[in-house]
């Protein structure tokens, strides 16, 4: 999806918020939390999508669907 974003750490320690189909980072941050907050807000403003977070080891740590995105495995409705 065009709005999907990834947050990861560069070798210089800077955290990157980057749209997956972009050539350059959307923003650079001192902490992972700051990068995640901005990436989340970007997705909300753009109509939703997937937010992928990589840990310090470069492996995917989490994937979150931001509303109006296309969640391939939406939660099932539960009756109480």
PDB file of N, CA and C in Angstrom:
ATOM      1  N   UNK A   1       0.844  -1.177   0.000  1.00  0.00           N
ATOM      2  CA  UNK A   1       0.000   0.000   0.000  1.00  0.00           C
ATOM      3  C   UNK A   1       0.892   1.244   0.000  1.00  0.00           C
ATOM      4  N   UNK A   2       0.474   2.258  -0.670  1.00  0.00           N
ATOM      5  CA  UNK A   2       1.286   3.468  -0.838  1.00  0.00           C
ATOM      6  C   UNK A   2       1.524   4.209   0.479  1.00  0.00           C
ATOM      7  N   UNK A   3       0.623   4.081   1.436  1.00  0.00           N
ATOM      8  CA  UNK A   3       0.776   4.825   2.687  1.00  0.00           C
ATOM      9  C   UNK A   3       1.559   4.075   3.753  1.00  0.00           C
ATOM     10  N   UNK A   4       2.034   2.874   3.484  1.00  0.00           N
ATOM     11  CA  UNK A   4       2.752   2.118   4.497  1.00  0.00           C
ATOM     12  C   UNK A   4       4.036   2.831   4.892  1.00  0.00           C
ATOM     13  N   UNK A   5       4.364   2.748   6.181  1.00  0.00           N
ATOM     14  CA  UNK A   5       5.555   3.421   6.714  1.00  0.00           C
ATOM     15  C   UNK A   5       6.384   2.454   7.536  1.00  0.00           C
ATOM     16  N   UNK A   6       7.683   2.760   7.605  1.00  0.00           N
ATOM     17  CA  UNK A   6       8.596   1.963   8.403  1.00  0.00           C
ATOM     18  C   UNK A   6       9.409   2.882   9.310  1.00  0.00           C
ATOM     19  N   UNK A   7       9.623   2.425  10.538  1.00  0.00           N
ATOM     20  CA  UNK A   7      10.483   3.123  11.487  1.00  0.00           C
ATOM     21  C   UNK A   7      11.652   2.188  11.774  1.00  0.00           C
ATOM     22  N   UNK A   8      12.863   2.698  11.603  1.00  0.00           N
ATOM     23  CA  UNK A   8      14.063   1.893  11.839  1.00  0.00           C
ATOM     24  C   UNK A   8      15.220   2.801  12.235  1.00  0.00           C
ATOM     25  N   UNK A   9      16.291   2.196  12.740  1.00  0.00           N
ATOM     26  CA  UNK A   9      17.447   2.958  13.184  1.00  0.00           C
ATOM     27  C   UNK A   9      18.578   2.855  12.165  1.00  0.00           C
ATOM     28  N   UNK A  10      19.152   4.016  11.841  1.00  0.00           N
ATOM     29  CA  UNK A  10      20.305   4.053  10.948  1.00  0.00           C
ATOM     30  C   UNK A  10      21.567   3.714  11.728  1.00  0.00           C
ATOM     31  N   UNK A  11      22.645   3.484  11.012  1.00  0.00           N
ATOM     32  CA  UNK A  11      23.910   3.126  11.653  1.00  0.00           C
ATOM     33  C   UNK A  11      24.466   4.246  12.532  1.00  0.00           C
ATOM     34  N   UNK A  12      24.062   5.489  12.271  1.00  0.00           N
ATOM     35  CA  UNK A  12      24.541   6.607  13.105  1.00  0.00           C
ATOM     36  C   UNK A  12      23.686   6.804  14.361  1.00  0.00           C
ATOM     37  N   UNK A  13      22.677   5.934  14.585  1.00  0.00           N
ATOM     38  CA  UNK A  13      21.844   6.003  15.778  1.00  0.00           C
ATOM     39  C   UNK A  13      20.571   6.810  15.617  1.00  0.00           C
ATOM     40  N   UNK A  14      20.392   7.442  14.480  1.00  0.00           N
ATOM     41  CA  UNK A  14      19.197   8.243  14.213  1.00  0.00           C
ATOM     42  C   UNK A  14      18.036   7.324  13.832  1.00  0.00           C
ATOM     43  N   UNK A  15      16.854   7.625  14.356  1.00  0.00           N
ATOM     44  CA  UNK A  15      15.648   6.862  14.015  1.00  0.00           C
ATOM     45  C   UNK A  15      14.954   7.517  12.825  1.00  0.00           C
ATOM     46  N   UNK A  16      14.554   6.695  11.883  1.00  0.00           N
ATOM     47  CA  UNK A  16      13.995   7.143  10.606  1.00  0.00           C
ATOM     48  C   UNK A  16      12.514   6.813  10.525  1.00  0.00           C
ATOM     49  N   UNK A  17      11.728   7.760  10.056  1.00  0.00           N
ATOM     50  CA  UNK A  17      10.321   7.565   9.693  1.00  0.00           C
ATOM     51  C   UNK A  17      10.284   7.695   8.182  1.00  0.00           C
ATOM     52  N   UNK A  18       9.991   6.587   7.487  1.00  0.00           N
ATOM     53  CA  UNK A  18      10.069   6.598   6.026  1.00  0.00           C
ATOM     54  C   UNK A  18       8.859   5.909   5.416  1.00  0.00           C
ATOM     55  N   UNK A  19       8.281   6.543   4.433  1.00  0.00           N
ATOM     56  CA  UNK A  19       7.222   5.915   3.660  1.00  0.00           C
ATOM     57  C   UNK A  19       7.870   4.853   2.784  1.00  0.00           C
ATOM     58  N   UNK A  20       7.292   3.664   2.705  1.00  0.00           N
ATOM     59  CA  UNK A  20       7.940   2.543   2.025  1.00  0.00           C
ATOM     60  C   UNK A  20       8.255   2.791   0.558  1.00  0.00           C
ATOM     61  N   UNK A  21       7.451   3.574  -0.124  1.00  0.00           N
ATOM     62  CA  UNK A  21       7.697   3.805  -1.548  1.00  0.00           C
ATOM     63  C   UNK A  21       8.515   5.070  -1.814  1.00  0.00           C
ATOM     64  N   UNK A  22       9.039   5.694  -0.759  1.00  0.00           N
ATOM     65  CA  UNK A  22       9.812   6.934  -0.910  1.00  0.00           C
ATOM     66  C   UNK A  22      11.309   6.630  -0.974  1.00  0.00           C
ATOM     67  N   UNK A  23      12.033   7.500  -1.635  1.00  0.00           N
ATOM     68  CA  UNK A  23      13.477   7.353  -1.724  1.00  0.00           C
ATOM     69  C   UNK A  23      14.195   7.916  -0.517  1.00  0.00           C
ATOM     70  N   UNK A  24      13.590   8.895   0.134  1.00  0.00           N
ATOM     71  CA  UNK A  24      14.215   9.555   1.278  1.00  0.00           C
ATOM     72  C   UNK A  24      13.314   9.450   2.504  1.00  0.00           C
ATOM     73  N   UNK A  25      13.914   9.641   3.666  1.00  0.00           N
ATOM     74  CA  UNK A  25      13.170   9.616   4.923  1.00  0.00           C
ATOM     75  C   UNK A  25      12.221  10.806   4.999  1.00  0.00           C
ATOM     76  N   UNK A  26      11.060  10.589   5.608  1.00  0.00           N
ATOM     77  CA  UNK A  26      10.117  11.684   5.847  1.00  0.00           C
ATOM     78  C   UNK A  26      10.605  12.554   6.990  1.00  0.00           C
ATOM     79  N   UNK A  27      11.187  11.906   8.019  1.00  0.00           N
ATOM     80  CA  UNK A  27      11.710  12.647   9.162  1.00  0.00           C
ATOM     81  C   UNK A  27      12.729  11.796   9.910  1.00  0.00           C
ATOM     82  N   UNK A  28      13.614  12.480  10.653  1.00  0.00           N
ATOM     83  CA  UNK A  28      14.649  11.839  11.452  1.00  0.00           C
ATOM     84  C   UNK A  28      14.457  12.241  12.907  1.00  0.00           C
ATOM     85  N   UNK A  29      14.727  11.297  13.835  1.00  0.00           N
ATOM     86  CA  UNK A  29      14.443  11.531  15.246  1.00  0.00           C
ATOM     87  C   UNK A  29      15.527  10.956  16.139  1.00  0.00           C
ATOM     88  N   UNK A  30      15.610  11.493  17.349  1.00  0.00           N
ATOM     89  CA  UNK A  30      16.587  11.036  18.320  1.00  0.00           C
ATOM     90  C   UNK A  30      16.182   9.759  19.027  1.00  0.00           C
ATOM     91  N   UNK A  31      14.862   9.487  19.094  1.00  0.00           N
ATOM     92  CA  UNK A  31      14.391   8.272  19.767  1.00  0.00           C
ATOM     93  C   UNK A  31      13.386   7.537  18.882  1.00  0.00           C
ATOM     94  N   UNK A  32      13.253   6.251  19.160  1.00  0.00           N
ATOM     95  CA  UNK A  32      12.289   5.441  18.426  1.00  0.00           C
ATOM     96  C   UNK A  32      10.864   5.917  18.716  1.00  0.00           C
ATOM     97  N   UNK A  33      10.602   6.286  19.950  1.00  0.00           N
ATOM     98  CA  UNK A  33       9.268   6.755  20.327  1.00  0.00           C
ATOM     99  C   UNK A  33       8.837   7.985  19.555  1.00  0.00           C
ATOM    100  N   UNK A  34       9.753   8.921  19.387  1.00  0.00           N
ATOM    101  CA  UNK A  34       9.441  10.131  18.604  1.00  0.00           C
ATOM    102  C   UNK A  34       9.137   9.763  17.160  1.00  0.00           C
ATOM    103  N   UNK A  35       9.947   8.889  16.582  1.00  0.00           N
ATOM    104  CA  UNK A  35       9.741   8.477  15.183  1.00  0.00           C
ATOM    105  C   UNK A  35       8.406   7.757  15.018  1.00  0.00           C
ATOM    106  N   UNK A  36       8.061   6.898  15.982  1.00  0.00           N
ATOM    107  CA  UNK A  36       6.787   6.180  15.920  1.00  0.00           C
ATOM    108  C   UNK A  36       5.595   7.123  16.024  1.00  0.00           C
ATOM    109  N   UNK A  37       5.681   8.093  16.913  1.00  0.00           N
ATOM    110  CA  UNK A  37       4.577   9.044  17.090  1.00  0.00           C
ATOM    111  C   UNK A  37       4.330   9.835  15.810  1.00  0.00           C
ATOM    112  N   UNK A  38       5.400  10.290  15.171  1.00  0.00           N
ATOM    113  CA  UNK A  38       5.252  11.065  13.936  1.00  0.00           C
ATOM    114  C   UNK A  38       4.756  10.172  12.803  1.00  0.00           C
ATOM    115  N   UNK A  39       5.286   8.957  12.694  1.00  0.00           N
ATOM    116  CA  UNK A  39       4.842   8.034  11.642  1.00  0.00           C
ATOM    117  C   UNK A  39       3.364   7.702  11.810  1.00  0.00           C
ATOM    118  N   UNK A  40       2.942   7.475  13.049  1.00  0.00           N
ATOM    119  CA  UNK A  40       1.530   7.190  13.324  1.00  0.00           C
ATOM    120  C   UNK A  40       0.655   8.359  12.891  1.00  0.00           C
ATOM    121  N   UNK A  41       1.053   9.568  13.253  1.00  0.00           N
ATOM    122  CA  UNK A  41       0.273  10.750  12.885  1.00  0.00           C
ATOM    123  C   UNK A  41       0.252  10.931  11.365  1.00  0.00           C
ATOM    124  N   UNK A  42       1.368  10.666  10.695  1.00  0.00           N
ATOM    125  CA  UNK A  42       1.401  10.741   9.229  1.00  0.00           C
ATOM    126  C   UNK A  42       0.364   9.803   8.620  1.00  0.00           C
ATOM    127  N   UNK A  43       0.294   8.573   9.136  1.00  0.00           N
ATOM    128  CA  UNK A  43      -0.662   7.597   8.604  1.00  0.00           C
ATOM    129  C   UNK A  43      -2.105   8.008   8.879  1.00  0.00           C
ATOM    130  N   UNK A  44      -2.362   8.542  10.058  1.00  0.00           N
ATOM    131  CA  UNK A  44      -3.714   9.023  10.371  1.00  0.00           C
ATOM    132  C   UNK A  44      -4.106  10.121   9.383  1.00  0.00           C
ATOM    133  N   UNK A  45      -3.188  11.051   9.137  1.00  0.00           N
ATOM    134  CA  UNK A  45      -3.467  12.169   8.226  1.00  0.00           C
ATOM    135  C   UNK A  45      -3.639  11.724   6.787  1.00  0.00           C
ATOM    136  N   UNK A  46      -3.017  10.606   6.422  1.00  0.00           N
ATOM    137  CA  UNK A  46      -3.062  10.134   5.034  1.00  0.00           C
ATOM    138  C   UNK A  46      -4.113   9.061   4.799  1.00  0.00           C
ATOM    139  N   UNK A  47      -4.952   8.795   5.782  1.00  0.00           N
ATOM    140  CA  UNK A  47      -6.037   7.844   5.583  1.00  0.00           C
ATOM    141  C   UNK A  47      -5.734   6.432   6.015  1.00  0.00           C
ATOM    142  N   UNK A  48      -4.683   6.222   6.790  1.00  0.00           N
ATOM    143  CA  UNK A  48      -4.392   4.904   7.333  1.00  0.00           C
ATOM    144  C   UNK A  48      -3.367   4.130   6.522  1.00  0.00           C
ATOM    145  N   UNK A  49      -2.972   2.990   7.069  1.00  0.00           N
ATOM    146  CA  UNK A  49      -1.993   2.124   6.429  1.00  0.00           C
ATOM    147  C   UNK A  49      -1.271   1.285   7.464  1.00  0.00           C
ATOM    148  N   UNK A  50      -0.225   0.595   7.044  1.00  0.00           N
ATOM    149  CA  UNK A  50       0.559  -0.255   7.928  1.00  0.00           C
ATOM    150  C   UNK A  50       1.765   0.506   8.470  1.00  0.00           C
ATOM    151  N   UNK A  51       2.030   0.338   9.763  1.00  0.00           N
ATOM    152  CA  UNK A  51       3.201   0.920  10.404  1.00  0.00           C
ATOM    153  C   UNK A  51       4.085  -0.244  10.851  1.00  0.00           C
ATOM    154  N   UNK A  52       5.249  -0.359  10.238  1.00  0.00           N
ATOM    155  CA  UNK A  52       6.190  -1.437  10.531  1.00  0.00           C
ATOM    156  C   UNK A  52       7.342  -0.852  11.336  1.00  0.00           C
ATOM    157  N   UNK A  53       7.656  -1.498  12.461  1.00  0.00           N
ATOM    158  CA  UNK A  53       8.731  -1.042  13.333  1.00  0.00           C
ATOM    159  C   UNK A  53       9.829  -2.092  13.373  1.00  0.00           C
ATOM    160  N   UNK A  54      11.065  -1.652  13.138  1.00  0.00           N
ATOM    161  CA  UNK A  54      12.210  -2.547  13.245  1.00  0.00           C
ATOM    162  C   UNK A  54      12.951  -2.238  14.542  1.00  0.00           C
ATOM    163  N   UNK A  55      13.464  -3.274  15.185  1.00  0.00           N
ATOM    164  CA  UNK A  55      14.222  -3.119  16.417  1.00  0.00           C
ATOM    165  C   UNK A  55      15.676  -2.788  16.142  1.00  0.00           C
ATOM    166  N   UNK A  56      16.475  -2.752  17.199  1.00  0.00           N
ATOM    167  CA  UNK A  56      17.892  -2.422  17.084  1.00  0.00           C
ATOM    168  C   UNK A  56      18.650  -3.427  16.219  1.00  0.00           C
ATOM    169  N   UNK A  57      18.186  -4.668  16.182  1.00  0.00           N
ATOM    170  CA  UNK A  57      18.854  -5.701  15.392  1.00  0.00           C
ATOM    171  C   UNK A  57      18.439  -5.686  13.921  1.00  0.00           C
ATOM    172  N   UNK A  58      17.545  -4.775  13.530  1.00  0.00           N
ATOM    173  CA  UNK A  58      17.106  -4.660  12.151  1.00  0.00           C
ATOM    174  C   UNK A  58      15.969  -5.582  11.767  1.00  0.00           C
ATOM    175  N   UNK A  59      15.521  -6.414  12.692  1.00  0.00           N
ATOM    176  CA  UNK A  59      14.410  -7.327  12.415  1.00  0.00           C
ATOM    177  C   UNK A  59      13.087  -6.654  12.748  1.00  0.00           C
ATOM    178  N   UNK A  60      12.036  -7.041  12.033  1.00  0.00           N
ATOM    179  CA  UNK A  60      10.716  -6.469  12.282  1.00  0.00           C
ATOM    180  C   UNK A  60      10.275  -6.820  13.695  1.00  0.00           C
ATOM    181  N   UNK A  61       9.926  -5.775  14.438  1.00  0.00           N
ATOM    182  CA  UNK A  61       9.501  -5.914  15.822  1.00  0.00           C
ATOM    183  C   UNK A  61       7.990  -5.916  15.943  1.00  0.00           C
ATOM    184  N   UNK A  62       7.333  -5.100  15.120  1.00  0.00           N
ATOM    185  CA  UNK A  62       5.873  -5.044  15.164  1.00  0.00           C
ATOM    186  C   UNK A  62       5.318  -4.499  13.855  1.00  0.00           C
ATOM    187  N   UNK A  63       4.057  -4.859  13.613  1.00  0.00           N
ATOM    188  CA  UNK A  63       3.295  -4.338  12.477  1.00  0.00           C
ATOM    189  C   UNK A  63       1.943  -3.924  13.029  1.00  0.00           C
ATOM    190  N   UNK A  64       1.559  -2.697  12.764  1.00  0.00           N
ATOM    191  CA  UNK A  64       0.285  -2.183  13.247  1.00  0.00           C
ATOM    192  C   UNK A  64      -0.489  -1.584  12.088  1.00  0.00           C
ATOM    193  N   UNK A  65      -1.775  -1.879  12.046  1.00  0.00           N
ATOM    194  CA  UNK A  65      -2.645  -1.269  11.059  1.00  0.00           C
ATOM    195  C   UNK A  65      -3.283  -0.038  11.682  1.00  0.00           C
ATOM    196  N   UNK A  66      -3.074   1.099  11.035  1.00  0.00           N
ATOM    197  CA  UNK A  66      -3.669   2.346  11.479  1.00  0.00           C
ATOM    198  C   UNK A  66      -5.030   2.457  10.780  1.00  0.00           C
ATOM    199  N   UNK A  67      -6.106   2.837  11.496  1.00  0.00           N
ATOM    200  CA  UNK A  67      -7.457   2.847  10.921  1.00  0.00           C
ATOM    201  C   UNK A  67      -7.548   3.436   9.523  1.00  0.00           C
ATOM    202  N   UNK A  68      -8.452   2.876   8.779  1.00  0.00           N
ATOM    203  CA  UNK A  68      -8.729   3.095   7.373  1.00  0.00           C
ATOM    204  C   UNK A  68      -7.707   2.383   6.499  1.00  0.00           C
ATOM    205  N   UNK A  69      -6.776   1.675   7.113  1.00  0.00           N
ATOM    206  CA  UNK A  69      -5.839   0.839   6.378  1.00  0.00           C
ATOM    207  C   UNK A  69      -6.508  -0.469   6.036  1.00  0.00           C
ATOM    208  N   UNK A  70      -5.820  -1.319   5.318  1.00  0.00           N
ATOM    209  CA  UNK A  70      -6.355  -2.609   4.900  1.00  0.00           C
ATOM    210  C   UNK A  70      -5.723  -3.694   5.763  1.00  0.00           C
ATOM    211  N   UNK A  71      -6.380  -4.054   6.859  1.00  0.00           N
ATOM    212  CA  UNK A  71      -5.878  -5.084   7.758  1.00  0.00           C
ATOM    213  C   UNK A  71      -6.228  -6.452   7.180  1.00  0.00           C
ATOM    214  N   UNK A  72      -5.222  -7.264   6.803  1.00  0.00           N
ATOM    215  CA  UNK A  72      -5.518  -8.564   6.226  1.00  0.00           C
ATOM    216  C   UNK A  72      -6.120  -9.543   7.234  1.00  0.00           C
ATOM    217  N   UNK A  73      -5.956  -9.293   8.537  1.00  0.00           N
ATOM    218  CA  UNK A  73      -6.494 -10.167   9.567  1.00  0.00           C
ATOM    219  C   UNK A  73      -7.205  -9.333  10.635  1.00  0.00           C
ATOM    220  N   UNK A  74      -8.362  -8.747  10.295  1.00  0.00           N
ATOM    221  CA  UNK A  74      -9.061  -7.905  11.278  1.00  0.00           C
ATOM    222  C   UNK A  74      -9.543  -8.740  12.459  1.00  0.00           C
ATOM    223  N   UNK A  75      -9.687  -8.132  13.619  1.00  0.00           N
ATOM    224  CA  UNK A  75     -10.183  -8.881  14.788  1.00  0.00           C
ATOM    225  C   UNK A  75     -11.612  -9.362  14.560  1.00  0.00           C
ATOM    226  N   UNK A  76     -11.918 -10.530  15.089  1.00  0.00           N
ATOM    227  CA  UNK A  76     -13.274 -11.065  14.964  1.00  0.00           C
ATOM    228  C   UNK A  76     -14.174 -10.395  15.985  1.00  0.00           C
ATOM    229  N   UNK A  77     -15.434 -10.182  15.590  1.00  0.00           N
ATOM    230  CA  UNK A  77     -16.411  -9.629  16.527  1.00  0.00           C
ATOM    231  C   UNK A  77     -16.722 -10.699  17.562  1.00  0.00           C
ATOM    232  N   UNK A  78     -16.752 -10.276  18.807  1.00  0.00           N
ATOM    233  CA  UNK A  78     -17.056 -11.204  19.890  1.00  0.00           C
ATOM    234  C   UNK A  78     -18.383 -10.830  20.524  1.00  0.00           C
ATOM    235  N   UNK A  79     -19.209 -11.812  20.735  1.00  0.00           N
ATOM    236  CA  UNK A  79     -20.479 -11.583  21.416  1.00  0.00           C
ATOM    237  C   UNK A  79     -20.298 -11.939  22.870  1.00  0.00           C
ATOM    238  N   UNK A  80     -20.831 -11.099  23.757  1.00  0.00           N
ATOM    239  CA  UNK A  80     -20.708 -11.372  25.194  1.00  0.00           C
ATOM    240  C   UNK A  80     -21.983 -11.850  25.766  1.00  0.00           C
TER     241      UNK A  80
END
